[in-house]
N, C-alpha and C. Protein backbone atom coordinates (compact mmCIF):
# COMPACT_ATOMS: atom_id res chain seq x y z
N LEU A 1 -22.73 177.52 -87.65
CA LEU A 1 -22.51 178.70 -88.33
C LEU A 1 -22.07 179.85 -87.49
N ASP A 2 -21.13 180.66 -88.15
CA ASP A 2 -20.49 181.68 -87.18
C ASP A 2 -21.40 182.90 -87.33
N SER A 3 -21.24 183.98 -86.70
CA SER A 3 -22.17 185.07 -86.67
C SER A 3 -21.96 185.75 -87.89
N THR A 4 -21.00 185.81 -88.75
CA THR A 4 -20.94 186.49 -89.97
C THR A 4 -21.95 185.87 -90.98
N SER A 5 -21.97 184.50 -90.92
CA SER A 5 -22.79 183.99 -91.86
C SER A 5 -24.51 184.16 -91.36
N THR A 6 -24.50 184.06 -90.23
CA THR A 6 -26.01 184.37 -89.74
C THR A 6 -26.39 185.72 -90.02
N GLU A 7 -25.59 186.71 -89.85
CA GLU A 7 -26.02 187.96 -90.27
C GLU A 7 -26.22 188.24 -91.68
N SER A 8 -25.48 187.53 -92.51
CA SER A 8 -26.06 187.50 -94.15
C SER A 8 -27.29 186.92 -94.32
N LEU A 9 -27.71 186.10 -93.49
CA LEU A 9 -29.13 185.32 -93.69
C LEU A 9 -30.26 186.18 -93.08
N ASN A 10 -30.00 187.25 -92.51
CA ASN A 10 -31.16 188.11 -92.12
C ASN A 10 -31.79 188.76 -93.40
N VAL A 11 -32.78 188.29 -93.93
CA VAL A 11 -33.53 188.85 -95.12
C VAL A 11 -34.72 188.98 -94.62
N THR A 12 -35.17 190.05 -95.13
CA THR A 12 -36.79 190.49 -94.79
C THR A 12 -37.49 190.34 -96.23
N ALA A 13 -38.53 189.66 -96.10
CA ALA A 13 -39.54 189.55 -97.21
C ALA A 13 -40.47 190.81 -97.20
N SER A 14 -40.77 191.31 -98.29
CA SER A 14 -42.04 192.10 -98.38
C SER A 14 -43.07 191.52 -99.27
N PHE A 15 -44.25 191.81 -99.01
CA PHE A 15 -45.39 191.41 -99.92
C PHE A 15 -46.14 192.56 -100.24
N HIS A 16 -46.68 192.53 -101.34
CA HIS A 16 -47.50 193.66 -101.87
C HIS A 16 -49.07 193.06 -101.83
N THR A 17 -49.81 193.89 -101.23
CA THR A 17 -51.22 193.56 -101.32
C THR A 17 -51.89 194.78 -101.77
N SER A 18 -53.03 194.61 -102.35
CA SER A 18 -53.71 195.80 -102.99
C SER A 18 -54.98 195.97 -102.18
N THR A 19 -55.26 197.10 -101.70
CA THR A 19 -56.41 197.42 -100.98
C THR A 19 -57.54 198.18 -102.00
N GLY A 20 -57.05 198.38 -103.21
CA GLY A 20 -57.92 199.08 -104.09
C GLY A 20 -57.75 200.63 -104.18
N LYS A 21 -57.05 201.05 -103.02
CA LYS A 21 -56.67 202.46 -102.80
C LYS A 21 -55.44 202.80 -103.39
N LYS A 22 -55.30 203.98 -103.99
CA LYS A 22 -54.16 204.55 -104.61
C LYS A 22 -53.19 204.90 -103.73
N SER A 23 -51.89 204.62 -103.86
CA SER A 23 -50.79 204.90 -102.95
C SER A 23 -50.46 206.28 -103.29
N PRO A 24 -49.88 207.00 -102.38
CA PRO A 24 -49.59 208.56 -102.56
C PRO A 24 -48.63 208.62 -103.60
N THR A 25 -47.86 207.68 -104.14
CA THR A 25 -46.97 207.82 -105.34
C THR A 25 -47.58 207.89 -106.59
N GLU A 26 -48.71 207.42 -106.77
CA GLU A 26 -49.40 207.22 -107.94
C GLU A 26 -49.90 208.67 -108.53
N ARG A 27 -49.80 208.83 -109.69
CA ARG A 27 -50.35 210.08 -110.06
C ARG A 27 -51.86 209.88 -110.50
N PRO A 28 -52.60 210.91 -110.27
CA PRO A 28 -54.03 210.77 -110.63
C PRO A 28 -54.06 210.80 -112.11
N VAL A 29 -54.95 210.18 -112.78
CA VAL A 29 -55.32 210.21 -114.17
C VAL A 29 -55.97 211.47 -114.66
N PHE A 30 -55.32 212.18 -115.47
CA PHE A 30 -55.90 213.46 -116.04
C PHE A 30 -55.70 213.66 -117.45
N CYS A 31 -56.50 214.22 -118.17
CA CYS A 31 -56.46 214.35 -119.53
C CYS A 31 -55.95 215.68 -119.81
N VAL A 32 -54.57 215.82 -120.59
CA VAL A 32 -53.81 216.93 -120.91
C VAL A 32 -54.66 217.97 -121.74
N TYR A 33 -55.68 217.27 -122.57
CA TYR A 33 -56.41 218.11 -123.30
C TYR A 33 -57.57 219.06 -122.85
N CYS A 34 -58.31 218.36 -121.76
CA CYS A 34 -59.55 219.16 -121.32
C CYS A 34 -59.41 219.15 -119.89
N ARG A 35 -58.45 218.45 -119.27
CA ARG A 35 -58.11 218.60 -117.74
C ARG A 35 -59.17 217.60 -117.12
N GLY A 36 -59.83 216.80 -117.74
CA GLY A 36 -60.73 215.77 -117.03
C GLY A 36 -60.22 214.72 -116.44
N ALA A 37 -60.82 213.93 -115.82
CA ALA A 37 -60.48 212.69 -114.75
C ALA A 37 -60.47 211.67 -115.83
N HIS A 38 -59.77 211.58 -116.83
CA HIS A 38 -59.80 210.28 -117.76
C HIS A 38 -58.45 210.38 -118.43
N LYS A 39 -58.01 209.46 -119.13
CA LYS A 39 -56.87 209.38 -120.08
C LYS A 39 -57.13 210.06 -121.26
N PRO A 40 -56.03 210.80 -121.75
CA PRO A 40 -56.22 211.52 -123.13
C PRO A 40 -56.93 210.81 -124.21
N ALA A 41 -56.67 209.53 -124.25
CA ALA A 41 -57.27 208.67 -125.24
C ALA A 41 -58.70 208.63 -125.23
N LYS A 42 -59.21 208.70 -124.03
CA LYS A 42 -60.64 208.76 -123.82
C LYS A 42 -61.17 210.00 -123.92
N CYS A 43 -60.59 211.18 -124.20
CA CYS A 43 -61.29 212.50 -124.29
C CYS A 43 -62.17 212.72 -125.38
N LYS A 44 -63.37 213.27 -124.84
CA LYS A 44 -64.49 213.30 -125.89
C LYS A 44 -64.76 214.80 -125.95
N SER A 45 -64.01 215.70 -125.28
CA SER A 45 -63.99 217.17 -125.41
C SER A 45 -63.28 217.76 -126.48
N VAL A 46 -62.20 217.37 -126.56
CA VAL A 46 -61.27 217.76 -127.64
C VAL A 46 -60.83 216.61 -128.39
N THR A 47 -61.59 216.55 -129.38
CA THR A 47 -61.36 215.34 -130.52
C THR A 47 -60.57 215.84 -131.70
N ASP A 48 -60.57 217.19 -132.00
CA ASP A 48 -59.93 217.60 -133.27
C ASP A 48 -58.41 217.49 -133.03
N GLN A 49 -57.77 216.86 -134.14
CA GLN A 49 -56.36 216.43 -133.96
C GLN A 49 -55.61 217.94 -134.00
N GLN A 50 -55.70 218.71 -134.76
CA GLN A 50 -55.07 220.19 -134.67
C GLN A 50 -55.27 220.87 -133.63
N LYS A 51 -56.32 220.81 -132.80
CA LYS A 51 -56.53 221.39 -131.62
C LYS A 51 -55.79 220.48 -130.55
N ARG A 52 -55.82 219.34 -130.64
CA ARG A 52 -54.71 218.62 -129.66
C ARG A 52 -53.23 219.00 -129.74
N TYR A 53 -53.04 218.99 -131.04
CA TYR A 53 -51.64 219.43 -131.28
C TYR A 53 -51.25 220.76 -130.65
N ASP A 54 -52.12 221.83 -130.98
CA ASP A 54 -51.93 223.07 -130.48
C ASP A 54 -51.82 223.18 -129.17
N ILE A 55 -52.68 222.20 -128.39
CA ILE A 55 -52.52 222.34 -126.97
C ILE A 55 -51.20 221.81 -126.36
N ILE A 56 -50.74 220.70 -126.89
CA ILE A 56 -49.53 220.26 -126.68
C ILE A 56 -48.40 221.13 -126.88
N LYS A 57 -48.27 221.85 -128.03
CA LYS A 57 -47.28 222.70 -128.49
C LYS A 57 -47.17 223.89 -127.49
N ASN A 58 -48.40 224.49 -127.27
CA ASN A 58 -48.54 225.76 -126.51
C ASN A 58 -48.17 225.45 -124.96
N GLU A 59 -48.43 224.28 -124.64
CA GLU A 59 -47.85 223.85 -123.06
C GLU A 59 -46.50 223.34 -123.03
N GLY A 60 -45.67 223.31 -124.25
CA GLY A 60 -44.50 222.86 -124.17
C GLY A 60 -44.29 221.28 -123.79
N ARG A 61 -45.11 220.52 -124.05
CA ARG A 61 -45.28 219.11 -123.78
C ARG A 61 -44.63 218.35 -124.83
N CYS A 62 -44.25 217.15 -124.40
CA CYS A 62 -43.82 216.11 -125.31
C CYS A 62 -44.64 215.43 -126.19
N PHE A 63 -44.44 215.48 -127.57
CA PHE A 63 -45.43 214.89 -128.55
C PHE A 63 -45.49 213.49 -128.47
N ASN A 64 -44.51 212.91 -127.90
CA ASN A 64 -44.45 211.37 -127.58
C ASN A 64 -45.42 210.94 -126.51
N CYS A 65 -44.90 211.37 -125.16
CA CYS A 65 -45.45 210.93 -124.11
C CYS A 65 -46.31 211.72 -123.36
N LEU A 66 -46.62 213.05 -123.78
CA LEU A 66 -47.26 214.15 -123.31
C LEU A 66 -46.80 214.63 -121.90
N GLY A 67 -45.52 214.33 -121.70
CA GLY A 67 -44.71 214.86 -120.39
C GLY A 67 -44.26 216.31 -120.63
N ARG A 68 -43.68 216.87 -119.59
CA ARG A 68 -43.31 218.17 -119.51
C ARG A 68 -41.87 218.18 -120.05
N HIS A 69 -41.33 217.95 -121.13
CA HIS A 69 -40.22 217.92 -121.77
C HIS A 69 -40.52 217.96 -123.38
N LYS A 70 -39.30 218.28 -124.05
CA LYS A 70 -39.33 218.21 -125.55
C LYS A 70 -39.32 216.74 -125.90
N VAL A 71 -39.74 216.42 -127.15
CA VAL A 71 -39.89 215.08 -127.55
C VAL A 71 -38.40 214.71 -127.90
N SER A 72 -37.53 215.74 -128.08
CA SER A 72 -36.19 215.16 -128.38
C SER A 72 -35.45 214.66 -127.20
N ASN A 73 -35.93 215.05 -125.99
CA ASN A 73 -35.47 214.52 -124.69
C ASN A 73 -36.34 213.30 -124.15
N CYS A 74 -37.22 212.85 -124.92
CA CYS A 74 -38.09 211.88 -124.35
C CYS A 74 -37.24 210.59 -124.32
N THR A 75 -37.41 209.94 -123.18
CA THR A 75 -36.76 208.56 -122.93
C THR A 75 -37.95 207.46 -123.19
N SER A 76 -39.04 207.70 -123.25
CA SER A 76 -40.17 206.73 -123.46
C SER A 76 -39.87 205.83 -124.70
N LYS A 77 -40.16 204.62 -124.48
CA LYS A 77 -40.02 203.62 -125.60
C LYS A 77 -41.26 203.38 -126.30
N PHE A 78 -42.22 204.18 -125.94
CA PHE A 78 -43.54 203.73 -126.61
C PHE A 78 -43.61 204.72 -127.83
N ARG A 79 -44.44 204.29 -128.68
CA ARG A 79 -44.55 204.86 -130.05
C ARG A 79 -46.13 204.94 -130.44
N CYS A 80 -46.23 205.57 -131.19
CA CYS A 80 -47.80 205.65 -131.74
C CYS A 80 -48.33 204.22 -132.05
N ARG A 81 -49.49 203.83 -131.67
CA ARG A 81 -50.02 202.44 -131.97
C ARG A 81 -50.43 202.42 -133.20
N GLN A 82 -50.80 203.24 -133.98
CA GLN A 82 -51.34 203.38 -135.27
C GLN A 82 -50.16 203.23 -136.39
N CYS A 83 -49.18 204.28 -136.25
CA CYS A 83 -48.31 204.34 -137.46
C CYS A 83 -46.87 203.96 -136.96
N LYS A 84 -46.75 203.79 -135.49
CA LYS A 84 -45.41 203.39 -135.03
C LYS A 84 -44.44 204.45 -135.02
N GLN A 85 -44.66 205.77 -135.29
CA GLN A 85 -43.96 206.90 -135.19
C GLN A 85 -43.80 207.65 -133.82
N LYS A 86 -42.90 208.41 -133.64
CA LYS A 86 -42.55 209.18 -132.18
C LYS A 86 -43.44 210.12 -131.96
N HIS A 87 -44.84 209.82 -131.88
CA HIS A 87 -45.79 210.87 -131.20
C HIS A 87 -46.79 209.88 -130.42
N HIS A 88 -47.65 210.66 -129.80
CA HIS A 88 -48.75 209.94 -128.95
C HIS A 88 -49.73 209.56 -129.90
N THR A 89 -50.26 208.43 -129.70
CA THR A 89 -51.33 207.79 -130.45
C THR A 89 -52.55 208.87 -130.70
N THR A 90 -52.82 209.58 -129.60
CA THR A 90 -53.80 210.69 -129.74
C THR A 90 -53.61 211.83 -130.56
N LEU A 91 -52.25 211.97 -131.11
CA LEU A 91 -51.92 212.92 -132.10
C LEU A 91 -51.70 212.52 -133.49
N CYS A 92 -52.08 211.21 -133.73
CA CYS A 92 -51.81 210.44 -135.14
C CYS A 92 -52.86 211.09 -136.08
N LYS A 93 -52.32 211.58 -137.24
CA LYS A 93 -53.27 212.07 -138.13
C LYS A 93 -53.43 210.86 -139.04
N PRO A 94 -54.62 210.65 -139.47
CA PRO A 94 -54.97 209.45 -140.46
C PRO A 94 -54.26 209.69 -141.83
N LYS A 95 -53.75 208.90 -142.40
CA LYS A 95 -53.08 209.05 -143.83
C LYS A 95 -54.21 208.87 -144.66
N GLU A 96 -54.11 209.25 -145.83
CA GLU A 96 -55.12 209.03 -146.94
C GLU A 96 -54.55 207.83 -147.47
N ASN A 97 -55.80 206.97 -147.99
CA ASN A 97 -55.57 205.72 -148.50
C ASN A 97 -54.84 205.78 -149.94
N THR A 98 -53.60 205.36 -149.97
CA THR A 98 -52.92 205.56 -151.18
C THR A 98 -53.47 204.81 -152.49
N ASP A 99 -54.13 203.76 -152.25
CA ASP A 99 -54.98 203.11 -153.31
C ASP A 99 -55.86 204.12 -154.03
N GLU A 100 -56.62 204.68 -152.98
CA GLU A 100 -57.79 205.75 -153.33
C GLU A 100 -57.20 206.94 -154.14
N LYS A 101 -55.94 207.41 -153.58
CA LYS A 101 -55.50 208.56 -154.23
C LYS A 101 -54.93 208.22 -155.70
N ASP A 102 -54.26 207.02 -155.83
CA ASP A 102 -53.78 206.63 -157.08
C ASP A 102 -54.82 206.30 -158.19
N ALA A 103 -55.94 205.76 -157.75
CA ALA A 103 -57.11 205.71 -158.53
C ALA A 103 -57.74 207.14 -159.03
N ALA A 104 -57.73 207.85 -158.06
CA ALA A 104 -58.25 209.33 -158.45
C ALA A 104 -57.38 210.07 -159.47
N LYS A 105 -55.93 209.81 -159.29
CA LYS A 105 -54.96 210.16 -160.39
C LYS A 105 -55.05 209.75 -161.83
N SER A 106 -55.50 208.44 -161.70
CA SER A 106 -55.47 207.75 -163.02
C SER A 106 -56.92 207.74 -163.70
N THR A 107 -57.83 208.37 -163.05
CA THR A 107 -59.14 208.74 -163.62
C THR A 107 -58.95 209.80 -164.65
N VAL A 108 -59.54 209.45 -165.95
CA VAL A 108 -59.60 210.50 -166.94
C VAL A 108 -60.82 211.19 -167.03
N HIS A 109 -60.71 212.51 -167.00
CA HIS A 109 -61.96 213.46 -167.12
C HIS A 109 -62.09 213.80 -168.31
N ALA A 110 -63.32 213.52 -169.09
CA ALA A 110 -63.54 214.09 -170.45
C ALA A 110 -64.35 215.35 -170.40
C-alpha cells in the first residue's frame, strides 16, 4: 500500500456510552404552561384547554410543537396524537360525539 491509501484508512471510531447524566446540549424538560419540571402533557396545574391555548398565544409560541415560532413556520412533522391535526396534543379540544348529537336532533319533544 502506498502512503495515499494508508491515509484514507485512518478512521476513528467513536462510541456512545451513557452515564445517566445529561449532556450540556440537552435541554431540560419544562412545562410551557406552569414552568414546572415536567413535560406539558403531564401538567396538572393548568388543565383547562382554553387557558393552555391562551398561554401559547400570549407567549407567541407554536401551536404545533410549542416552540418559539409561529405554527406557519413550524417544520415539525409531529401532529396531534388524538385528531392528527397540526396542533400539540395538549391543545386538542375533544369533539362532541356526532352520534349523540344526531340522536338529540332527532328526538321529538311533545
